[in-house]
PDB file of N, CA and C in Angstrom:
ATOM      1  N   PHE A   1       1.165  -0.970   0.122  1.00  0.00           N
ATOM      2  CA  PHE A   1      -0.304   0.309  -0.358  1.00  0.00           C
ATOM      3  C   PHE A   1       1.138   1.384   0.157  1.00  0.00           C
ATOM      4  N   GLU A   2       0.625   2.063  -0.356  1.00  0.00           N
ATOM      5  CA  GLU A   2       1.001   3.292  -0.996  1.00  0.00           C
ATOM      6  C   GLU A   2       0.583   4.777  -0.868  1.00  0.00           C
ATOM      7  N   ALA A   3       0.960   5.143  -0.040  1.00  0.00           N
ATOM      8  CA  ALA A   3       0.377   7.075   0.188  1.00  0.00           C
ATOM      9  C   ALA A   3       0.507   7.807  -0.630  1.00  0.00           C
ATOM     10  N   ARG A   4      -0.867   8.658  -1.137  1.00  0.00           N
ATOM     11  CA  ARG A   4      -0.929   9.578  -2.036  1.00  0.00           C
ATOM     12  C   ARG A   4       0.334  10.141  -2.826  1.00  0.00           C
ATOM     13  N   ILE A   5       1.291  11.148  -1.703  1.00  0.00           N
ATOM     14  CA  ILE A   5       1.616  11.433  -1.955  1.00  0.00           C
ATOM     15  C   ILE A   5       3.830  10.405  -1.654  1.00  0.00           C
ATOM     16  N   PRO A   6       4.684  11.027  -1.950  1.00  0.00           N
ATOM     17  CA  PRO A   6       6.008  10.371  -1.998  1.00  0.00           C
ATOM     18  C   PRO A   6       6.614  10.823  -0.153  1.00  0.00           C
ATOM     19  N   ILE A   7       6.025   9.378   0.768  1.00  0.00           N
ATOM     20  CA  ILE A   7       6.556   9.779   2.373  1.00  0.00           C
ATOM     21  C   ILE A   7       7.776   8.074   1.992  1.00  0.00           C
ATOM     22  N   GLU A   8       8.480   8.937   2.716  1.00  0.00           N
ATOM     23  CA  GLU A   8       9.638   7.637   3.490  1.00  0.00           C
ATOM     24  C   GLU A   8       8.713   7.545   5.091  1.00  0.00           C
ATOM     25  N   ILE A   9       9.106   6.295   5.395  1.00  0.00           N
ATOM     26  CA  ILE A   9       8.905   5.567   6.678  1.00  0.00           C
ATOM     27  C   ILE A   9       9.886   5.351   7.472  1.00  0.00           C
ATOM     28  N   ARG A  10       9.992   5.966   8.853  1.00  0.00           N
ATOM     29  CA  ARG A  10      11.224   5.794   9.980  1.00  0.00           C
ATOM     30  C   ARG A  10      10.704   5.414  10.703  1.00  0.00           C
ATOM     31  N   ILE A  11      11.844   5.088  12.042  1.00  0.00           N
ATOM     32  CA  ILE A  11      11.536   5.239  13.409  1.00  0.00           C
ATOM     33  C   ILE A  11      12.329   5.659  14.193  1.00  0.00           C
ATOM     34  N   LEU A  12      11.418   7.691  14.737  1.00  0.00           N
ATOM     35  CA  LEU A  12      12.143   7.970  15.007  1.00  0.00           C
ATOM     36  C   LEU A  12      12.954   7.799  16.200  1.00  0.00           C
ATOM     37  N   GLY A  13      14.054   8.733  17.040  1.00  0.00           N
ATOM     38  CA  GLY A  13      14.841   8.076  18.437  1.00  0.00           C
ATOM     39  C   GLY A  13      14.453   9.596  19.510  1.00  0.00           C
ATOM     40  N   GLU A  14      14.974   9.138  20.589  1.00  0.00           N
ATOM     41  CA  GLU A  14      15.272  10.344  21.640  1.00  0.00           C
ATOM     42  C   GLU A  14      15.642  11.684  21.216  1.00  0.00           C
ATOM     43  N   GLY A  15      16.775  11.514  19.652  1.00  0.00           N
ATOM     44  CA  GLY A  15      17.322  12.180  19.706  1.00  0.00           C
ATOM     45  C   GLY A  15      16.870  13.182  18.419  1.00  0.00           C
ATOM     46  N   ASP A  16      14.642  12.926  18.263  1.00  0.00           N
ATOM     47  CA  ASP A  16      14.510  13.087  17.492  1.00  0.00           C
ATOM     48  C   ASP A  16      13.288  13.866  18.055  1.00  0.00           C
ATOM     49  N   VAL A  17      13.429  13.769  19.500  1.00  0.00           N
ATOM     50  CA  VAL A  17      12.009  14.272  19.717  1.00  0.00           C
ATOM     51  C   VAL A  17      11.867  16.309  19.672  1.00  0.00           C
ATOM     52  N   GLY A  18      12.597  16.752  19.676  1.00  0.00           N
ATOM     53  CA  GLY A  18      12.489  17.876  19.240  1.00  0.00           C
ATOM     54  C   GLY A  18      11.980  18.346  17.987  1.00  0.00           C
ATOM     55  N   LEU A  19      11.298  17.468  17.155  1.00  0.00           N
ATOM     56  CA  LEU A  19      10.521  17.034  15.976  1.00  0.00           C
ATOM     57  C   LEU A  19       9.384  17.381  15.858  1.00  0.00           C
ATOM     58  N   LEU A  20       8.888  16.202  17.321  1.00  0.00           N
ATOM     59  CA  LEU A  20       7.583  15.705  17.660  1.00  0.00           C
ATOM     60  C   LEU A  20       6.767  16.757  17.815  1.00  0.00           C
ATOM     61  N   PRO A  21       6.301  18.166  18.705  1.00  0.00           N
ATOM     62  CA  PRO A  21       6.017  18.768  19.257  1.00  0.00           C
ATOM     63  C   PRO A  21       4.893  19.098  17.899  1.00  0.00           C
ATOM     64  N   PRO A  22       5.247  19.644  16.392  1.00  0.00           N
ATOM     65  CA  PRO A  22       4.365  20.057  16.047  1.00  0.00           C
ATOM     66  C   PRO A  22       3.243  18.771  15.412  1.00  0.00           C
ATOM     67  N   LEU A  23       3.712  17.984  15.726  1.00  0.00           N
ATOM     68  CA  LEU A  23       2.780  16.707  15.403  1.00  0.00           C
ATOM     69  C   LEU A  23       1.426  16.516  16.355  1.00  0.00           C
ATOM     70  N   ASN A  24       1.574  16.856  17.676  1.00  0.00           N
ATOM     71  CA  ASN A  24       0.630  16.722  18.664  1.00  0.00           C
ATOM     72  C   ASN A  24       1.397  18.082  19.610  1.00  0.00           C
ATOM     73  N   PRO A  25       0.695  18.787  19.520  1.00  0.00           N
ATOM     74  CA  PRO A  25       1.250  19.801  20.717  1.00  0.00           C
ATOM     75  C   PRO A  25       0.936  19.864  22.267  1.00  0.00           C
ATOM     76  N   HIS A  26      -0.058  18.631  22.343  1.00  0.00           N
ATOM     77  CA  HIS A  26      -0.166  18.626  23.968  1.00  0.00           C
ATOM     78  C   HIS A  26       0.362  17.981  24.723  1.00  0.00           C
ATOM     79  N   HIS A  27       1.912  17.025  23.735  1.00  0.00           N
ATOM     80  CA  HIS A  27       2.778  16.363  24.478  1.00  0.00           C
ATOM     81  C   HIS A  27       4.327  16.881  24.493  1.00  0.00           C
ATOM     82  N   SER A  28       4.660  17.421  25.743  1.00  0.00           N
ATOM     83  CA  SER A  28       6.147  17.895  25.571  1.00  0.00           C
ATOM     84  C   SER A  28       7.059  17.394  25.780  1.00  0.00           C
ATOM     85  N   GLU A  29       7.862  17.786  25.692  1.00  0.00           N
ATOM     86  CA  GLU A  29       9.429  17.403  25.027  1.00  0.00           C
ATOM     87  C   GLU A  29       9.945  16.402  25.980  1.00  0.00           C
ATOM     88  N   ALA A  30       9.877  16.576  27.525  1.00  0.00           N
ATOM     89  CA  ALA A  30       9.555  15.898  28.978  1.00  0.00           C
ATOM     90  C   ALA A  30       8.657  14.890  28.952  1.00  0.00           C
ATOM     91  N   PHE A  31       7.806  14.527  28.420  1.00  0.00           N
ATOM     92  CA  PHE A  31       6.850  13.641  27.555  1.00  0.00           C
ATOM     93  C   PHE A  31       7.263  13.089  26.849  1.00  0.00           C
ATOM     94  N   LEU A  32       7.077  13.876  26.037  1.00  0.00           N
ATOM     95  CA  LEU A  32       8.177  12.304  25.076  1.00  0.00           C
ATOM     96  C   LEU A  32       9.047  11.323  24.728  1.00  0.00           C
ATOM     97  N   ILE A  33      10.002  12.119  25.646  1.00  0.00           N
ATOM     98  CA  ILE A  33      11.485  11.908  26.128  1.00  0.00           C
ATOM     99  C   ILE A  33      10.629  10.296  27.308  1.00  0.00           C
ATOM    100  N   GLU A  34       9.977  10.565  28.603  1.00  0.00           N
ATOM    101  CA  GLU A  34       9.623   9.498  29.200  1.00  0.00           C
ATOM    102  C   GLU A  34       9.272   8.317  28.388  1.00  0.00           C
ATOM    103  N   ARG A  35       8.409   8.739  27.219  1.00  0.00           N
ATOM    104  CA  ARG A  35       8.151   7.410  26.375  1.00  0.00           C
ATOM    105  C   ARG A  35       8.654   7.237  25.754  1.00  0.00           C
ATOM    106  N   PHE A  36       9.516   7.818  25.160  1.00  0.00           N
ATOM    107  CA  PHE A  36      11.181   7.000  24.566  1.00  0.00           C
ATOM    108  C   PHE A  36      12.013   6.117  26.075  1.00  0.00           C
ATOM    109  N   GLN A  37      11.996   6.543  26.875  1.00  0.00           N
ATOM    110  CA  GLN A  37      12.992   5.685  28.057  1.00  0.00           C
ATOM    111  C   GLN A  37      11.956   4.642  27.968  1.00  0.00           C
ATOM    112  N   ALA A  38      10.527   4.785  28.264  1.00  0.00           N
ATOM    113  CA  ALA A  38       9.854   2.982  28.255  1.00  0.00           C
ATOM    114  C   ALA A  38      10.030   2.119  27.171  1.00  0.00           C
ATOM    115  N   GLY A  39      10.278   2.357  25.629  1.00  0.00           N
ATOM    116  CA  GLY A  39      10.414   1.711  25.508  1.00  0.00           C
ATOM    117  C   GLY A  39       9.662   1.521  24.418  1.00  0.00           C
ATOM    118  N   ALA A  40       9.198   2.891  23.799  1.00  0.00           N
ATOM    119  CA  ALA A  40       8.134   3.324  23.004  1.00  0.00           C
ATOM    120  C   ALA A  40       8.865   3.319  21.880  1.00  0.00           C
ATOM    121  N   LEU A  41       8.325   2.790  21.129  1.00  0.00           N
ATOM    122  CA  LEU A  41       8.653   3.359  19.362  1.00  0.00           C
ATOM    123  C   LEU A  41       8.103   3.940  18.446  1.00  0.00           C
ATOM    124  N   CYS A  42       8.626   5.870  18.072  1.00  0.00           N
ATOM    125  CA  CYS A  42       7.813   6.164  17.442  1.00  0.00           C
ATOM    126  C   CYS A  42       7.388   5.860  15.853  1.00  0.00           C
ATOM    127  N   PHE A  43       7.140   5.482  15.084  1.00  0.00           N
ATOM    128  CA  PHE A  43       6.746   5.266  13.344  1.00  0.00           C
ATOM    129  C   PHE A  43       6.435   6.801  12.975  1.00  0.00           C
ATOM    130  N   ALA A  44       6.859   7.737  12.264  1.00  0.00           N
ATOM    131  CA  ALA A  44       6.994   8.722  11.555  1.00  0.00           C
ATOM    132  C   ALA A  44       7.158   8.667   9.995  1.00  0.00           C
ATOM    133  N   ALA A  45       5.833   8.750   9.390  1.00  0.00           N
ATOM    134  CA  ALA A  45       6.308   9.546   7.760  1.00  0.00           C
ATOM    135  C   ALA A  45       6.678  10.812   7.614  1.00  0.00           C
ATOM    136  N   CYS A  46       7.473  10.410   7.020  1.00  0.00           N
ATOM    137  CA  CYS A  46       8.709  12.303   6.454  1.00  0.00           C
ATOM    138  C   CYS A  46       8.281  11.955   5.125  1.00  0.00           C
ATOM    139  N   ARG A  47       8.326  13.230   5.147  1.00  0.00           N
ATOM    140  CA  ARG A  47       8.458  13.942   3.439  1.00  0.00           C
ATOM    141  C   ARG A  47       9.778  15.426   4.111  1.00  0.00           C
ATOM    142  N   ASN A  48      10.553  15.069   3.024  1.00  0.00           N
ATOM    143  CA  ASN A  48      11.587  16.015   2.233  1.00  0.00           C
ATOM    144  C   ASN A  48      12.110  15.986   4.206  1.00  0.00           C
ATOM    145  N   GLY A  49      12.217  14.877   4.195  1.00  0.00           N
ATOM    146  CA  GLY A  49      12.721  14.769   6.057  1.00  0.00           C
ATOM    147  C   GLY A  49      12.139  14.807   7.004  1.00  0.00           C
ATOM    148  N   ARG A  50      11.132  16.115   7.470  1.00  0.00           N
ATOM    149  CA  ARG A  50      10.481  16.002   7.678  1.00  0.00           C
ATOM    150  C   ARG A  50       8.851  15.212   8.648  1.00  0.00           C
ATOM    151  N   PRO A  51       8.765  14.688   9.705  1.00  0.00           N
ATOM    152  CA  PRO A  51       7.793  15.009  10.073  1.00  0.00           C
ATOM    153  C   PRO A  51       6.526  14.743   9.803  1.00  0.00           C
ATOM    154  N   ILE A  52       5.367  14.106   9.258  1.00  0.00           N
ATOM    155  CA  ILE A  52       4.614  14.694   8.976  1.00  0.00           C
ATOM    156  C   ILE A  52       3.258  13.680   9.819  1.00  0.00           C
ATOM    157  N   ALA A  53       3.485  13.030  10.265  1.00  0.00           N
ATOM    158  CA  ALA A  53       2.681  11.994  10.429  1.00  0.00           C
ATOM    159  C   ALA A  53       3.228  10.849  11.605  1.00  0.00           C
ATOM    160  N   GLN A  54       2.282  11.073  12.595  1.00  0.00           N
ATOM    161  CA  GLN A  54       3.477   9.632  13.519  1.00  0.00           C
ATOM    162  C   GLN A  54       2.097   8.916  14.538  1.00  0.00           C
ATOM    163  N   ASN A  55       3.180   7.981  14.891  1.00  0.00           N
ATOM    164  CA  ASN A  55       1.930   6.544  15.245  1.00  0.00           C
ATOM    165  C   ASN A  55       2.959   5.894  16.528  1.00  0.00           C
ATOM    166  N   TRP A  56       2.364   5.612  17.652  1.00  0.00           N
ATOM    167  CA  TRP A  56       3.337   5.009  18.766  1.00  0.00           C
ATOM    168  C   TRP A  56       3.095   3.868  18.447  1.00  0.00           C
ATOM    169  N   LEU A  57       3.915   2.488  19.370  1.00  0.00           N
ATOM    170  CA  LEU A  57       3.982   1.540  19.136  1.00  0.00           C
ATOM    171  C   LEU A  57       4.613   0.916  20.481  1.00  0.00           C
ATOM    172  N   SER A  58       4.167  -0.071  21.536  1.00  0.00           N
ATOM    173  CA  SER A  58       4.778   0.596  23.168  1.00  0.00           C
ATOM    174  C   SER A  58       4.432  -1.119  22.641  1.00  0.00           C
ATOM    175  N   PHE A  59       5.159  -2.145  23.455  1.00  0.00           N
ATOM    176  CA  PHE A  59       4.307  -3.157  24.388  1.00  0.00           C
ATOM    177  C   PHE A  59       4.894  -3.908  25.764  1.00  0.00           C
ATOM    178  N   GLY A  60       4.860  -2.678  26.100  1.00  0.00           N
ATOM    179  CA  GLY A  60       5.298  -2.090  27.693  1.00  0.00           C
ATOM    180  C   GLY A  60       4.217  -1.799  28.129  1.00  0.00           C
ATOM    181  N   PRO A  61       4.180  -0.878  29.119  1.00  0.00           N
ATOM    182  CA  PRO A  61       3.165   0.087  29.583  1.00  0.00           C
ATOM    183  C   PRO A  61       3.716   1.674  29.484  1.00  0.00           C
ATOM    184  N   VAL A  62       3.112   1.997  28.848  1.00  0.00           N
ATOM    185  CA  VAL A  62       2.923   3.492  28.819  1.00  0.00           C
ATOM    186  C   VAL A  62       2.328   4.662  28.733  1.00  0.00           C
ATOM    187  N   ARG A  63       2.158   5.805  29.168  1.00  0.00           N
ATOM    188  CA  ARG A  63       1.912   6.702  29.526  1.00  0.00           C
ATOM    189  C   ARG A  63       1.121   7.574  28.479  1.00  0.00           C
ATOM    190  N   ASP A  64      -0.088   8.184  28.235  1.00  0.00           N
ATOM    191  CA  ASP A  64      -0.484   8.788  27.654  1.00  0.00           C
ATOM    192  C   ASP A  64      -1.486   9.679  28.352  1.00  0.00           C
ATOM    193  N   ASP A  65      -2.138  10.627  27.394  1.00  0.00           N
ATOM    194  CA  ASP A  65      -2.414  11.843  28.493  1.00  0.00           C
ATOM    195  C   ASP A  65      -2.627  11.320  29.518  1.00  0.00           C
ATOM    196  N   ASP A  66      -3.669  10.820  30.288  1.00  0.00           N
ATOM    197  CA  ASP A  66      -4.613  10.813  31.405  1.00  0.00           C
ATOM    198  C   ASP A  66      -4.869   8.992  31.747  1.00  0.00           C
ATOM    199  N   TYR A  67      -4.204   8.477  31.178  1.00  0.00           N
ATOM    200  CA  TYR A  67      -3.832   6.489  31.035  1.00  0.00           C
ATOM    201  C   TYR A  67      -2.732   6.395  31.316  1.00  0.00           C
ATOM    202  N   LEU A  68      -2.376   5.343  31.677  1.00  0.00           N
ATOM    203  CA  LEU A  68      -0.989   4.142  31.308  1.00  0.00           C
ATOM    204  C   LEU A  68      -1.763   2.721  31.367  1.00  0.00           C
ATOM    205  N   ALA A  69      -1.214   2.742  29.583  1.00  0.00           N
ATOM    206  CA  ALA A  69      -1.715   0.824  28.987  1.00  0.00           C
ATOM    207  C   ALA A  69      -0.377   0.064  29.537  1.00  0.00           C
ATOM    208  N   ARG A  70      -1.416  -0.882  29.933  1.00  0.00           N
ATOM    209  CA  ARG A  70      -0.194  -2.262  30.544  1.00  0.00           C
ATOM    210  C   ARG A  70      -0.307  -2.573  29.232  1.00  0.00           C
ATOM    211  N   PRO A  71      -0.454  -3.474  28.241  1.00  0.00           N
ATOM    212  CA  PRO A  71       0.011  -4.628  26.905  1.00  0.00           C
ATOM    213  C   PRO A  71       0.097  -5.524  28.078  1.00  0.00           C
ATOM    214  N   GLY A  72      -0.123  -6.745  27.801  1.00  0.00           N
ATOM    215  CA  GLY A  72      -0.238  -8.269  27.898  1.00  0.00           C
ATOM    216  C   GLY A  72       0.918  -8.997  27.618  1.00  0.00           C
ATOM    217  N   PRO A  73       1.580  -9.611  27.772  1.00  0.00           N
ATOM    218  CA  PRO A  73       3.228  -9.709  27.664  1.00  0.00           C
ATOM    219  C   PRO A  73       2.941 -10.694  25.802  1.00  0.00           C
ATOM    220  N   ASP A  74       2.093 -10.794  24.974  1.00  0.00           N
ATOM    221  CA  ASP A  74       1.511 -11.212  23.933  1.00  0.00           C
ATOM    222  C   ASP A  74       0.651 -10.439  22.743  1.00  0.00           C
ATOM    223  N   GLU A  75       0.919  -8.647  23.432  1.00  0.00           N
ATOM    224  CA  GLU A  75       0.310  -7.462  22.774  1.00  0.00           C
ATOM    225  C   GLU A  75       0.827  -6.822  22.351  1.00  0.00           C
ATOM    226  N   ALA A  76       1.079  -5.663  22.081  1.00  0.00           N
ATOM    227  CA  ALA A  76       1.157  -4.018  21.346  1.00  0.00           C
ATOM    228  C   ALA A  76       0.170  -3.379  21.470  1.00  0.00           C
ATOM    229  N   TRP A  77       0.404  -2.200  22.121  1.00  0.00           N
ATOM    230  CA  TRP A  77      -0.100  -0.773  22.380  1.00  0.00           C
ATOM    231  C   TRP A  77       0.212  -0.397  21.492  1.00  0.00           C
ATOM    232  N   CYS A  78      -0.644   0.138  20.211  1.00  0.00           N
ATOM    233  CA  CYS A  78      -1.031   1.493  19.196  1.00  0.00           C
ATOM    234  C   CYS A  78      -1.644   2.726  19.953  1.00  0.00           C
ATOM    235  N   LEU A  79      -0.864   4.052  20.138  1.00  0.00           N
ATOM    236  CA  LEU A  79      -1.454   5.138  20.236  1.00  0.00           C
ATOM    237  C   LEU A  79      -0.922   5.943  19.641  1.00  0.00           C
ATOM    238  N   ASP A  80      -1.715   7.076  20.133  1.00  0.00           N
ATOM    239  CA  ASP A  80      -1.151   8.428  19.385  1.00  0.00           C
ATOM    240  C   ASP A  80      -1.151   8.970  17.821  1.00  0.00           C
ATOM    241  N   ALA A  81      -1.790   7.732  17.032  1.00  0.00           N
ATOM    242  CA  ALA A  81      -1.413   8.923  15.265  1.00  0.00           C
ATOM    243  C   ALA A  81      -2.302  10.177  15.151  1.00  0.00           C
ATOM    244  N   PHE A  82      -1.447  10.842  14.167  1.00  0.00           N
ATOM    245  CA  PHE A  82      -1.759  11.870  14.588  1.00  0.00           C
ATOM    246  C   PHE A  82      -0.735  12.515  13.202  1.00  0.00           C
ATOM    247  N   THR A  83      -1.274  12.812  11.966  1.00  0.00           N
ATOM    248  CA  THR A  83      -0.913  13.363  10.663  1.00  0.00           C
ATOM    249  C   THR A  83      -1.876  14.845  10.983  1.00  0.00           C
ATOM    250  N   LEU A  84      -0.382  15.817  10.247  1.00  0.00           N
ATOM    251  CA  LEU A  84      -0.946  17.102   9.928  1.00  0.00           C
ATOM    252  C   LEU A  84      -1.956  17.137   9.717  1.00  0.00           C
ATOM    253  N   PRO A  85      -2.884  18.180   9.385  1.00  0.00           N
ATOM    254  CA  PRO A  85      -4.137  18.797   8.545  1.00  0.00           C
ATOM    255  C   PRO A  85      -4.032  19.005   7.094  1.00  0.00           C
ATOM    256  N   ASP A  86      -3.084  19.699   6.759  1.00  0.00           N
ATOM    257  CA  ASP A  86      -2.653  19.759   5.195  1.00  0.00           C
ATOM    258  C   ASP A  86      -2.334  18.052   4.934  1.00  0.00           C
ATOM    259  N   PHE A  87      -2.087  17.037   5.382  1.00  0.00           N
ATOM    260  CA  PHE A  87      -0.978  15.726   5.146  1.00  0.00           C
ATOM    261  C   PHE A  87      -2.538  15.370   5.137  1.00  0.00           C
ATOM    262  N   ARG A  88      -3.504  15.453   5.355  1.00  0.00           N
ATOM    263  CA  ARG A  88      -4.463  14.384   6.284  1.00  0.00           C
ATOM    264  C   ARG A  88      -5.609  14.555   4.022  1.00  0.00           C
ATOM    265  N   GLY A  89      -6.061  13.236   4.744  1.00  0.00           N
ATOM    266  CA  GLY A  89      -6.876  12.053   3.003  1.00  0.00           C
ATOM    267  C   GLY A  89      -5.921  11.657   2.368  1.00  0.00           C
ATOM    268  N   ARG A  90      -4.591  11.467   2.323  1.00  0.00           N
ATOM    269  CA  ARG A  90      -4.077  10.811   1.175  1.00  0.00           C
ATOM    270  C   ARG A  90      -3.495   9.738   1.757  1.00  0.00           C
ATOM    271  N   ALA A  91      -4.338   9.187   2.699  1.00  0.00           N
ATOM    272  CA  ALA A  91      -4.122   7.608   2.982  1.00  0.00           C
ATOM    273  C   ALA A  91      -2.770   7.628   3.486  1.00  0.00           C
ATOM    274  N   ILE A  92      -1.832   8.255   4.293  1.00  0.00           N
ATOM    275  CA  ILE A  92      -0.457   8.314   4.850  1.00  0.00           C
ATOM    276  C   ILE A  92      -0.456   7.347   5.800  1.00  0.00           C
ATOM    277  N   HIS A  93      -1.459   7.395   7.079  1.00  0.00           N
ATOM    278  CA  HIS A  93      -1.635   6.748   7.940  1.00  0.00           C
ATOM    279  C   HIS A  93      -2.489   5.014   8.030  1.00  0.00           C
ATOM    280  N   THR A  94      -2.604   5.105   6.642  1.00  0.00           N
ATOM    281  CA  THR A  94      -2.909   4.195   5.984  1.00  0.00           C
ATOM    282  C   THR A  94      -1.102   2.886   5.511  1.00  0.00           C
ATOM    283  N   ALA A  95      -1.096   4.180   5.197  1.00  0.00           N
ATOM    284  CA  ALA A  95       0.799   3.329   4.839  1.00  0.00           C
ATOM    285  C   ALA A  95       1.882   3.747   5.783  1.00  0.00           C
ATOM    286  N   LEU A  96       2.255   4.329   6.650  1.00  0.00           N
ATOM    287  CA  LEU A  96       2.010   3.974   8.080  1.00  0.00           C
ATOM    288  C   LEU A  96       1.859   2.859   8.591  1.00  0.00           C
ATOM    289  N   LEU A  97       0.892   2.548   8.738  1.00  0.00           N
ATOM    290  CA  LEU A  97       0.697   1.155   9.776  1.00  0.00           C
ATOM    291  C   LEU A  97       1.248   0.525   8.945  1.00  0.00           C
ATOM    292  N   GLN A  98       1.195   0.333   7.752  1.00  0.00           N
ATOM    293  CA  GLN A  98       1.489  -1.271   7.057  1.00  0.00           C
ATOM    294  C   GLN A  98       3.126  -1.078   7.205  1.00  0.00           C
ATOM    295  N   GLY A  99       3.998   0.447   7.566  1.00  0.00           N
ATOM    296  CA  GLY A  99       5.425   0.045   7.484  1.00  0.00           C
ATOM    297  C   GLY A  99       5.546  -0.447   9.405  1.00  0.00           C
ATOM    298  N   MET A 100       4.634   0.069   9.972  1.00  0.00           N
ATOM    299  CA  MET A 100       4.510  -0.686  11.567  1.00  0.00           C
ATOM    300  C   MET A 100       4.661  -1.806  11.172  1.00  0.00           C
TER     301      MET A 100
END
């Protein structure tokens, strides 16, 4: 499956945290660093080297706004999907999910 515009799927790391707040302005850099340190993976759809969409995946406990998700030993928790408004409706998130 391909998005309707060219994108690159990347797994971002803690060093990329400065790129993420524009994708979800409700999460501070400290919040995102905590999530990375807990072992969550941040998958991003990038265009021209910049993230335009994200989706997180965790195999262990992970905090989101007002809850703590605790997936079981054979489960994963997919959370915090977000696509910048200017890029919505182009199947970017579907391509991102496939990349995950």
